[in-house]
Amino acid sequence: MKQEIDQFTARHDLLKKGEKLVAAVSGGPDSMAMLHYLSRQPIELSVLHVHHLLREEAEEEAELVKKTAEALDLPFFLRRVNVKDMMKESGTGLQQTARTERYRLFQEVMEETGSRKTATAHHGDDQIETMLMRFTRGSIQGMKGIPVRRPLGAGEVIRPMLGVTKDAIEAYCAEHRIPYRMDISNENKKYMRSRIRHEIVPVLKKENPRLHEAAQWQAEIRAEEESYLNEQAEAALASVILEKKDGTVLIQKKSFAAVPAALQKRAVHLLLTYLRPEALWTRSHVQAVQDLFISEKRPHAAFTAHDLHAETAYETVLLQKGSPESEQPWTAREADVPSRTELPWGVLFAGAEAPADADVSTSIAVSTEELPLIVRPRKPGDRIRTSAGTKKLKKIFIDEKIPAKERERWPIITNRHGTILWVPFLYRAEGTTDFGQTNKQTVQLAYIKKHENR
């Protein structure tokens, strides 16, 4: 086994002479074999044991690791973490919570010892099991395996044992009389990994006794492809984002549809992970959001999961953290002359001086005979005068592709009789005038959005 680990660590440049390294040791055969191997390398080694406070026999495991470290004259660090309490705080499952806490403690002890690396004892059979689990579950990561190394804080986690099998590890422990403790929970077949380990992997190994090497080769190829494809997806995503700020991303649907199909799901997953990196995004989540981008038959659709909301409105899709803000109802009000009337989405200037940057094309003039003016939200059945008669406001909103959410706050300007004179930015009633084109006394109206103009 030593020769296989030597070759693996050399090929991946995992160990450097004289460097400081933390060995994460649970007390099982895998990590105890790793500790034995690493203790014979020309490095400055420290030993970390994480006690999850889940099993009574875990105290014996902690004691074994401590005594072994002392016998090897290595610095020993014991960290206790109440995983059950952390589960309540984080809302995540047992396995995920324990893993998150372990990696947090890896980083903590690395910083304390001045180390740049933590070694874990994942081995070749773990690689096979992980890839089979992800394949079986239809993971968004596909057949991606356990990486040989992964970043952690200012350093990294390395896996020097990925090139060897469980059988080789147990034989190594027997040869060198290495003591260890077995975690019987690993044999519990209620866990998918345990079922794969005991019922599926043995069958596959009969077909290929070097299955762990095939799995590792596949994992390394997949890692290289993942890195390249993620770069391509990030570049494609950058070209379709209209706006990104304050936990929101606005994307143009037409541009996204032009992204190669092979990158679309990956781009969606990058988006979701950017907004909610702590969430577990599944293929069903990714597919649901992708459908928002590519569906032409549903101009208005939404998706909500893991405290993230995505909503489509004609040409765009908006993704944002948290639940969508509900529109606050607003009531009709008179616009005195001169006045500056604050509205949910902007400001109406009636006979008052608008800002110098006001867009004159969004302004109209109305006769003083129309006063007082009323500003109100839209109503069912609203119609406005045209040269050919009248037209429903609903049809105008649809033609202009105004999202349903925005229609509720769009101001409607009427005269004192309730006749609609103006729908700012969209339509001016037939018979209203431009500035200076009437003999009647007129009032200038200007409406300025608080947010971006269309």
Protein backbone atom coordinates (compact mmCIF):
# COMPACT_ATOMS: atom_id res chain seq x y z
CA MET A 1 0.00 0.00 0.00
CA LYS A 2 2.85 2.39 0.80
CA GLN A 3 4.14 2.21 -2.76
CA GLU A 4 0.66 2.98 -4.17
CA ILE A 5 0.27 6.01 -1.88
CA ASP A 6 3.79 7.19 -2.74
CA GLN A 7 2.97 7.07 -6.43
CA PHE A 8 -0.41 8.75 -5.97
CA THR A 9 0.89 11.61 -3.80
CA ALA A 10 3.82 12.18 -6.16
CA ARG A 11 1.59 12.24 -9.26
CA HIS A 12 -0.69 14.82 -7.66
CA ASP A 13 2.08 16.70 -5.81
CA LEU A 14 0.23 16.37 -2.48
CA LEU A 15 3.14 16.31 -0.02
CA LYS A 16 6.16 18.60 0.13
CA LYS A 17 9.20 18.05 2.27
CA GLY A 18 9.16 20.08 5.49
CA GLU A 19 5.62 21.43 5.11
CA LYS A 20 3.12 21.61 7.98
CA LEU A 21 0.09 19.36 7.68
CA VAL A 22 -2.92 18.41 9.82
CA ALA A 23 -4.12 14.80 9.73
CA ALA A 24 -7.86 14.46 10.40
CA VAL A 25 -8.07 11.15 12.27
CA SER A 26 -11.36 9.55 13.35
CA GLY A 27 -9.90 6.41 14.90
CA GLY A 28 -11.13 4.04 12.19
CA PRO A 29 -8.80 1.84 10.12
CA ASP A 30 -8.63 4.27 7.20
CA SER A 31 -7.49 7.32 9.15
CA MET A 32 -5.24 5.34 11.50
CA ALA A 33 -3.46 3.83 8.50
CA MET A 34 -3.13 7.30 6.99
CA LEU A 35 -1.68 8.63 10.26
CA HIS A 36 0.86 5.80 10.32
CA TYR A 37 1.90 6.56 6.75
CA LEU A 38 2.08 10.34 7.18
CA SER A 39 4.04 10.07 10.44
CA ARG A 40 6.86 8.52 8.40
CA GLN A 41 6.99 11.36 5.88
CA PRO A 42 9.44 14.32 6.10
CA ILE A 43 6.72 16.78 7.15
CA GLU A 44 5.61 18.62 10.32
CA LEU A 45 2.47 16.70 11.27
CA SER A 46 -0.30 17.57 13.73
CA VAL A 47 -3.25 15.32 14.58
CA LEU A 48 -6.88 16.45 14.82
CA HIS A 49 -9.79 14.40 16.13
CA VAL A 50 -13.33 15.80 15.85
CA HIS A 51 -15.77 14.42 18.45
CA HIS A 52 -19.37 14.84 17.24
CA LEU A 53 -20.93 13.88 20.62
CA LEU A 54 -23.22 11.39 18.89
CA ARG A 55 -22.08 7.97 20.19
CA GLU A 56 -20.89 6.70 23.58
CA GLU A 57 -18.06 4.69 22.00
CA ALA A 58 -16.73 7.89 20.41
CA GLU A 59 -14.91 8.63 23.67
CA GLU A 60 -12.84 5.48 23.17
CA GLU A 61 -12.04 6.57 19.63
CA ALA A 62 -10.89 9.99 20.84
CA GLU A 63 -8.71 8.38 23.50
CA LEU A 64 -7.14 5.99 20.98
CA VAL A 65 -6.22 8.81 18.61
CA LYS A 66 -4.80 10.85 21.48
CA LYS A 67 -2.60 8.00 22.75
CA THR A 68 -1.40 7.20 19.22
CA ALA A 69 -0.46 10.84 18.60
CA GLU A 70 1.39 10.97 21.92
CA ALA A 71 3.24 7.75 21.12
CA LEU A 72 4.32 9.28 17.82
CA ASP A 73 5.29 12.50 19.64
CA LEU A 74 2.87 14.53 17.49
CA PRO A 75 0.78 17.57 18.56
CA PHE A 76 -2.80 16.47 19.24
CA PHE A 77 -5.96 18.56 18.95
CA LEU A 78 -9.36 17.40 20.18
CA ARG A 79 -12.38 19.38 19.09
CA ARG A 80 -15.86 18.60 20.37
CA VAL A 81 -18.95 19.79 18.54
CA ASN A 82 -22.57 19.11 19.44
CA VAL A 83 -23.88 18.19 16.01
CA LYS A 84 -27.48 17.77 17.19
CA ASP A 85 -27.55 21.32 18.53
CA MET A 86 -25.94 22.62 15.34
CA MET A 87 -28.59 20.81 13.29
CA LYS A 88 -31.31 22.80 15.06
CA GLU A 89 -29.50 26.06 14.42
CA SER A 90 -28.69 25.40 10.77
CA GLY A 91 -31.78 23.44 9.76
CA THR A 92 -29.60 20.96 7.83
CA GLY A 93 -29.47 17.16 8.18
CA LEU A 94 -27.13 15.16 10.39
CA GLN A 95 -24.59 14.20 7.72
CA GLN A 96 -24.40 17.69 6.20
CA THR A 97 -24.16 19.41 9.59
CA ALA A 98 -21.38 17.08 10.78
CA ARG A 99 -19.46 17.61 7.55
CA THR A 100 -19.81 21.40 7.71
CA GLU A 101 -18.56 21.47 11.29
CA ARG A 102 -15.62 19.17 10.51
CA TYR A 103 -14.41 21.40 7.73
CA ARG A 104 -14.83 24.48 9.91
CA LEU A 105 -12.63 22.84 12.53
CA PHE A 106 -10.10 21.72 9.92
CA GLN A 107 -9.65 25.36 8.96
CA GLU A 108 -9.47 26.47 12.59
CA VAL A 109 -6.68 24.01 13.48
CA MET A 110 -4.83 24.75 10.22
CA GLU A 111 -4.73 28.40 11.19
CA GLU A 112 -3.67 27.56 14.74
CA THR A 113 -0.78 25.35 13.60
CA GLY A 114 0.26 27.43 10.61
CA SER A 115 -0.53 24.54 8.29
CA ARG A 116 -1.68 24.92 4.69
CA LYS A 117 -3.17 21.44 4.36
CA THR A 118 -5.47 18.99 6.10
CA ALA A 119 -5.37 15.34 5.02
CA THR A 120 -8.47 13.15 5.17
CA ALA A 121 -8.53 9.37 4.71
CA HIS A 122 -10.99 9.01 1.83
CA HIS A 123 -9.92 5.95 -0.14
CA GLY A 124 -10.60 4.28 -3.48
CA ASP A 125 -13.73 2.44 -2.32
CA ASP A 126 -15.15 5.75 -1.01
CA GLN A 127 -14.61 7.12 -4.50
CA ILE A 128 -16.56 4.26 -6.09
CA GLU A 129 -19.42 4.62 -3.59
CA THR A 130 -19.63 8.39 -4.02
CA MET A 131 -19.80 8.21 -7.80
CA LEU A 132 -22.43 5.45 -7.69
CA MET A 133 -24.52 7.43 -5.19
CA ARG A 134 -24.46 10.55 -7.33
CA PHE A 135 -25.32 8.55 -10.43
CA THR A 136 -28.18 6.76 -8.66
CA ARG A 137 -29.64 9.97 -7.26
CA GLY A 138 -29.32 11.78 -10.57
CA SER A 139 -27.15 14.41 -8.92
CA ILE A 140 -26.65 17.69 -10.75
CA GLN A 141 -22.94 16.92 -10.35
CA GLY A 142 -23.38 13.77 -12.41
CA MET A 143 -20.53 11.30 -12.01
CA LYS A 144 -18.26 13.82 -10.33
CA GLY A 145 -16.14 12.09 -7.71
CA ILE A 146 -14.27 13.07 -4.56
CA PRO A 147 -11.58 15.58 -5.61
CA VAL A 148 -7.96 14.80 -4.82
CA ARG A 149 -7.70 18.28 -3.33
CA ARG A 150 -10.16 21.08 -2.61
CA PRO A 151 -9.66 24.65 -1.34
CA LEU A 152 -10.35 25.45 2.30
CA GLY A 153 -9.77 28.97 3.57
CA ALA A 154 -6.20 29.95 2.77
CA GLY A 155 -5.22 26.30 2.38
CA GLU A 156 -6.64 23.05 1.10
CA VAL A 157 -7.86 19.57 1.98
CA ILE A 158 -5.96 16.68 0.38
CA ARG A 159 -6.89 12.99 0.00
CA PRO A 160 -3.66 10.94 -0.28
CA MET A 161 -5.48 7.59 0.13
CA LEU A 162 -7.76 7.79 -2.92
CA GLY A 163 -5.48 5.43 -4.85
CA VAL A 164 -5.87 2.47 -2.47
CA THR A 165 -8.71 0.11 -1.55
CA LYS A 166 -10.35 -0.64 1.77
CA ASP A 167 -8.92 -4.19 1.67
CA ALA A 168 -5.40 -2.81 1.18
CA ILE A 169 -5.87 -0.46 4.13
CA GLU A 170 -7.03 -3.26 6.44
CA ALA A 171 -4.10 -5.42 5.31
CA TYR A 172 -1.74 -2.51 6.05
CA CYS A 173 -3.19 -2.13 9.54
CA ALA A 174 -2.72 -5.86 10.18
CA GLU A 175 0.85 -5.84 8.85
CA HIS A 176 1.90 -2.91 11.05
CA ARG A 177 -0.31 -3.88 14.00
CA ILE A 178 -2.11 -0.55 13.89
CA PRO A 179 -4.95 -0.35 16.43
CA TYR A 180 -8.30 1.13 15.36
CA ARG A 181 -11.95 1.34 16.34
CA MET A 182 -14.83 0.44 14.05
CA ASP A 183 -17.81 2.79 13.83
CA ILE A 184 -20.70 0.29 13.67
CA SER A 185 -23.03 2.98 12.28
CA ASN A 186 -21.12 2.62 9.00
CA GLU A 187 -22.59 -0.89 8.69
CA ASN A 188 -26.19 0.28 9.05
CA LYS A 189 -27.96 -0.48 5.78
CA LYS A 190 -30.53 2.23 6.30
CA TYR A 191 -27.92 4.47 4.70
CA MET A 192 -27.59 4.38 0.92
CA ARG A 193 -23.79 4.41 1.06
CA SER A 194 -23.77 1.32 3.27
CA ARG A 195 -26.10 -0.57 0.92
CA ILE A 196 -23.93 0.32 -2.07
CA ARG A 197 -20.79 -0.69 -0.15
CA HIS A 198 -22.03 -4.13 0.90
CA GLU A 199 -24.39 -5.11 -1.91
CA ILE A 200 -23.26 -3.42 -5.13
CA VAL A 201 -19.53 -2.71 -5.00
CA PRO A 202 -18.58 -6.39 -4.37
CA VAL A 203 -20.49 -7.42 -7.51
CA LEU A 204 -18.77 -4.74 -9.60
CA LYS A 205 -15.35 -5.71 -8.25
CA LYS A 206 -15.89 -9.22 -9.51
CA GLU A 207 -16.16 -7.70 -12.98
CA ASN A 208 -13.14 -5.46 -12.43
CA PRO A 209 -10.89 -6.05 -9.41
CA ARG A 210 -9.18 -2.69 -10.15
CA LEU A 211 -12.47 -0.82 -10.07
CA HIS A 212 -11.08 1.82 -7.72
CA GLU A 213 -8.48 2.78 -10.33
CA ALA A 214 -11.13 3.07 -13.03
CA ALA A 215 -13.28 5.21 -10.73
CA GLN A 216 -10.37 7.49 -9.86
CA TRP A 217 -9.44 7.89 -13.52
CA GLN A 218 -13.04 8.80 -14.36
CA ALA A 219 -13.19 11.23 -11.44
CA GLU A 220 -10.04 13.03 -12.56
CA ILE A 221 -11.25 13.33 -16.15
CA ARG A 222 -14.61 14.60 -14.90
CA ALA A 223 -12.90 17.16 -12.66
CA GLU A 224 -10.94 18.54 -15.63
CA GLU A 225 -14.08 18.70 -17.78
CA GLU A 226 -16.05 20.30 -14.93
CA SER A 227 -13.46 23.04 -14.56
CA TYR A 228 -13.48 23.83 -18.28
CA LEU A 229 -17.27 23.70 -18.67
CA ASN A 230 -17.80 25.87 -15.59
CA GLU A 231 -15.51 28.50 -17.09
CA GLN A 232 -17.52 28.41 -20.32
CA ALA A 233 -20.82 28.61 -18.40
CA GLU A 234 -19.60 31.56 -16.35
CA ALA A 235 -18.57 33.42 -19.50
CA ALA A 236 -21.93 32.67 -21.16
CA LEU A 237 -23.78 33.78 -18.04
CA ALA A 238 -21.92 37.08 -17.88
CA SER A 239 -23.09 37.89 -21.41
CA VAL A 240 -26.82 37.48 -20.59
CA ILE A 241 -27.02 39.24 -17.20
CA LEU A 242 -28.71 42.62 -17.48
CA GLU A 243 -28.28 43.54 -13.82
CA LYS A 244 -26.73 41.97 -10.71
CA LYS A 245 -26.95 43.66 -7.31
CA ASP A 246 -28.27 43.32 -3.76
CA GLY A 247 -28.94 39.60 -3.99
CA THR A 248 -30.83 39.87 -7.28
CA VAL A 249 -29.96 38.89 -10.84
CA LEU A 250 -31.91 40.02 -13.90
CA ILE A 251 -31.40 38.03 -17.10
CA GLN A 252 -32.59 38.47 -20.65
CA LYS A 253 -34.49 35.38 -21.81
CA LYS A 254 -33.66 35.71 -25.50
CA SER A 255 -29.94 35.93 -24.79
CA PHE A 256 -30.07 32.99 -22.41
CA ALA A 257 -31.85 30.87 -25.02
CA ALA A 258 -28.85 31.47 -27.30
CA VAL A 259 -26.48 29.91 -24.74
CA PRO A 260 -25.45 26.41 -25.94
CA ALA A 261 -27.81 23.78 -24.53
CA ALA A 262 -24.85 21.90 -23.04
CA LEU A 263 -24.12 24.91 -20.80
CA GLN A 264 -27.63 26.06 -19.86
CA LYS A 265 -28.23 23.75 -16.88
CA ARG A 266 -24.72 24.40 -15.63
CA ALA A 267 -25.32 28.16 -15.92
CA VAL A 268 -28.57 27.87 -13.98
CA HIS A 269 -26.83 25.89 -11.25
CA LEU A 270 -24.12 28.56 -11.03
CA LEU A 271 -26.83 31.20 -10.65
CA LEU A 272 -28.63 29.33 -7.89
CA THR A 273 -25.37 28.60 -6.09
CA TYR A 274 -24.31 32.26 -6.34
CA LEU A 275 -27.53 33.45 -4.72
CA ARG A 276 -27.88 30.61 -2.17
CA PRO A 277 -24.52 28.79 -1.85
CA GLU A 278 -25.62 26.96 1.29
CA ALA A 279 -28.65 25.31 -0.35
CA LEU A 280 -28.71 21.83 -1.88
CA TRP A 281 -29.87 22.41 -5.44
CA THR A 282 -31.24 19.35 -7.22
CA ARG A 283 -31.84 18.56 -10.88
CA SER A 284 -35.57 19.34 -10.42
CA HIS A 285 -34.71 22.83 -9.14
CA VAL A 286 -32.36 23.44 -12.05
CA GLN A 287 -34.89 22.19 -14.58
CA ALA A 288 -37.67 24.36 -13.13
CA VAL A 289 -35.56 27.51 -13.40
CA GLN A 290 -34.29 26.60 -16.86
CA ASP A 291 -37.92 26.26 -17.97
CA LEU A 292 -38.50 29.89 -16.98
CA PHE A 293 -35.84 30.94 -19.48
CA ILE A 294 -36.83 28.80 -22.43
CA SER A 295 -40.63 28.60 -22.17
CA GLU A 296 -42.38 30.76 -24.76
CA LYS A 297 -45.90 29.67 -23.85
CA ARG A 298 -45.77 31.00 -20.27
CA PRO A 299 -45.06 34.78 -20.30
CA HIS A 300 -45.54 34.84 -16.50
CA ALA A 301 -44.25 32.00 -14.34
CA ALA A 302 -42.42 31.69 -11.04
CA PHE A 303 -40.26 29.33 -8.98
CA THR A 304 -39.58 29.42 -5.24
CA ALA A 305 -37.28 27.16 -3.19
CA HIS A 306 -34.68 27.50 -0.43
CA ASP A 307 -35.71 31.11 0.23
CA LEU A 308 -35.01 32.06 -3.37
CA HIS A 309 -37.59 33.36 -5.84
CA ALA A 310 -37.36 33.40 -9.62
CA GLU A 311 -39.99 35.04 -11.80
CA THR A 312 -40.34 35.53 -15.53
CA ALA A 313 -41.99 38.48 -17.19
CA TYR A 314 -41.94 38.42 -20.99
CA GLU A 315 -38.31 39.07 -22.01
CA THR A 316 -36.64 38.79 -18.60
CA VAL A 317 -36.23 36.50 -15.61
CA LEU A 318 -35.54 37.97 -12.16
CA LEU A 319 -33.90 35.81 -9.48
CA GLN A 320 -33.71 37.17 -5.95
CA LYS A 321 -32.99 36.09 -2.41
CA GLY A 322 -35.99 35.86 -0.12
CA SER A 323 -39.68 35.93 -0.92
CA PRO A 324 -40.96 38.39 -3.51
CA GLU A 325 -42.18 41.64 -2.05
CA SER A 326 -45.94 41.90 -2.20
CA GLU A 327 -47.25 45.08 -3.78
CA GLN A 328 -48.75 47.44 -1.24
CA PRO A 329 -52.21 48.64 -2.32
CA TRP A 330 -52.48 52.36 -2.96
CA THR A 331 -55.54 54.53 -3.26
CA ALA A 332 -56.67 57.23 -5.66
CA ARG A 333 -55.65 60.80 -4.87
CA GLU A 334 -56.09 64.27 -6.31
CA ALA A 335 -53.18 65.94 -8.04
CA ASP A 336 -53.43 69.61 -7.06
CA VAL A 337 -52.05 72.27 -9.38
CA PRO A 338 -49.26 72.97 -8.92
CA SER A 339 -48.28 69.76 -7.07
CA ARG A 340 -45.69 67.04 -6.72
CA THR A 341 -47.55 63.80 -6.00
CA GLU A 342 -45.55 60.85 -4.61
CA LEU A 343 -46.71 57.48 -5.96
CA PRO A 344 -45.58 53.88 -5.30
CA TRP A 345 -43.37 53.85 -8.36
CA GLY A 346 -42.59 57.45 -9.14
CA VAL A 347 -43.57 61.11 -8.89
CA LEU A 348 -46.25 63.02 -10.83
CA PHE A 349 -45.59 66.71 -11.47
CA ALA A 350 -48.80 68.65 -12.27
CA GLY A 351 -48.12 72.25 -13.18
CA ALA A 352 -44.98 72.06 -11.09
CA GLU A 353 -41.43 72.22 -12.34
CA ALA A 354 -40.08 68.76 -13.01
CA PRO A 355 -36.38 67.95 -12.66
CA ALA A 356 -34.14 69.09 -15.47
CA ASP A 357 -33.50 65.48 -16.51
CA ALA A 358 -37.23 64.77 -16.98
CA ASP A 359 -37.96 63.07 -20.27
CA VAL A 360 -40.22 65.50 -22.18
CA SER A 361 -41.53 62.64 -24.30
CA THR A 362 -43.16 61.18 -21.19
CA SER A 363 -45.05 64.40 -20.46
CA ILE A 364 -48.38 65.78 -21.71
CA ALA A 365 -50.47 68.91 -21.31
CA VAL A 366 -54.16 68.91 -20.33
CA SER A 367 -56.72 71.69 -20.33
CA THR A 368 -57.51 73.37 -17.03
CA GLU A 369 -61.12 72.42 -17.78
CA GLU A 370 -60.16 68.83 -16.91
CA LEU A 371 -59.19 69.74 -13.31
CA PRO A 372 -59.02 68.47 -10.69
CA LEU A 373 -56.94 65.56 -11.91
CA ILE A 374 -57.17 62.15 -10.23
CA VAL A 375 -54.31 59.66 -9.99
CA ARG A 376 -55.35 56.08 -9.28
CA PRO A 377 -54.42 52.42 -9.80
CA ARG A 378 -55.93 50.60 -12.75
CA LYS A 379 -59.42 49.10 -12.55
CA PRO A 380 -60.98 46.12 -14.32
CA GLY A 381 -62.47 47.22 -17.65
CA ASP A 382 -60.45 50.46 -17.90
CA ARG A 383 -60.49 51.93 -21.43
CA ILE A 384 -58.79 54.91 -23.05
CA ARG A 385 -59.79 57.04 -26.07
CA THR A 386 -58.09 56.31 -29.38
CA SER A 387 -58.55 57.69 -32.87
CA ALA A 388 -60.66 54.61 -33.66
CA GLY A 389 -62.78 54.64 -30.48
CA THR A 390 -61.53 53.19 -27.19
CA LYS A 391 -59.00 50.55 -26.20
CA LYS A 392 -58.74 48.39 -23.09
CA LEU A 393 -55.80 49.22 -20.84
CA LYS A 394 -55.33 45.49 -20.33
CA LYS A 395 -54.59 45.15 -24.04
CA ILE A 396 -52.12 48.05 -23.89
CA PHE A 397 -50.26 46.44 -20.98
CA ILE A 398 -50.12 43.13 -22.83
CA ASP A 399 -48.98 44.72 -26.08
CA GLU A 400 -46.24 46.61 -24.24
CA LYS A 401 -45.31 43.42 -22.34
CA ILE A 402 -45.67 45.01 -18.92
CA PRO A 403 -45.28 42.36 -16.17
CA ALA A 404 -48.47 41.72 -14.19
CA LYS A 405 -46.69 42.75 -11.00
CA GLU A 406 -45.90 46.20 -12.41
CA ARG A 407 -49.43 46.81 -13.68
CA GLU A 408 -50.74 47.01 -10.12
CA ARG A 409 -48.62 50.06 -9.33
CA TRP A 410 -48.83 51.79 -12.72
CA PRO A 411 -50.50 55.23 -12.34
CA ILE A 412 -53.63 56.06 -14.31
CA ILE A 413 -54.37 59.80 -14.77
CA THR A 414 -58.04 60.82 -15.18
CA ASN A 415 -59.92 64.10 -15.36
CA ARG A 416 -62.54 65.20 -12.84
CA HIS A 417 -65.18 63.11 -14.64
CA GLY A 418 -63.09 59.93 -14.44
CA THR A 419 -62.10 59.88 -18.11
CA ILE A 420 -58.62 58.44 -18.56
CA LEU A 421 -56.24 61.01 -20.02
CA TRP A 422 -52.85 59.39 -19.71
CA VAL A 423 -51.03 56.17 -18.89
CA PRO A 424 -47.46 57.44 -18.39
CA PHE A 425 -44.81 55.95 -20.67
CA LEU A 426 -47.46 53.93 -22.53
CA TYR A 427 -50.43 55.84 -23.97
CA ARG A 428 -51.94 59.31 -24.22
CA ALA A 429 -55.67 59.62 -24.79
CA GLU A 430 -56.87 60.99 -28.10
CA GLY A 431 -57.65 64.69 -27.64
CA THR A 432 -54.94 65.51 -25.11
CA THR A 433 -52.42 68.03 -26.33
CA ASP A 434 -48.74 68.58 -26.72
CA PHE A 435 -47.21 71.70 -25.18
CA GLY A 436 -47.95 74.93 -27.00
CA GLN A 437 -50.44 73.29 -29.39
CA THR A 438 -53.71 74.52 -27.83
CA ASN A 439 -55.49 77.84 -27.38
CA LYS A 440 -56.87 76.72 -24.04
CA GLN A 441 -55.10 77.23 -20.77
CA THR A 442 -53.17 74.04 -20.09
CA VAL A 443 -51.37 72.28 -17.26
CA GLN A 444 -48.13 70.41 -17.92
CA LEU A 445 -47.93 66.89 -16.50
CA ALA A 446 -44.69 64.97 -16.12
CA TYR A 447 -44.17 61.57 -14.54
CA ILE A 448 -40.75 60.41 -13.42
CA LYS A 449 -40.08 56.82 -12.38
CA LYS A 450 -38.12 56.24 -9.21
CA HIS A 451 -36.49 53.24 -10.87
CA GLU A 452 -35.12 52.67 -14.35
CA ASN A 453 -37.19 53.90 -17.28
CA ARG A 454 -38.48 51.57 -19.90
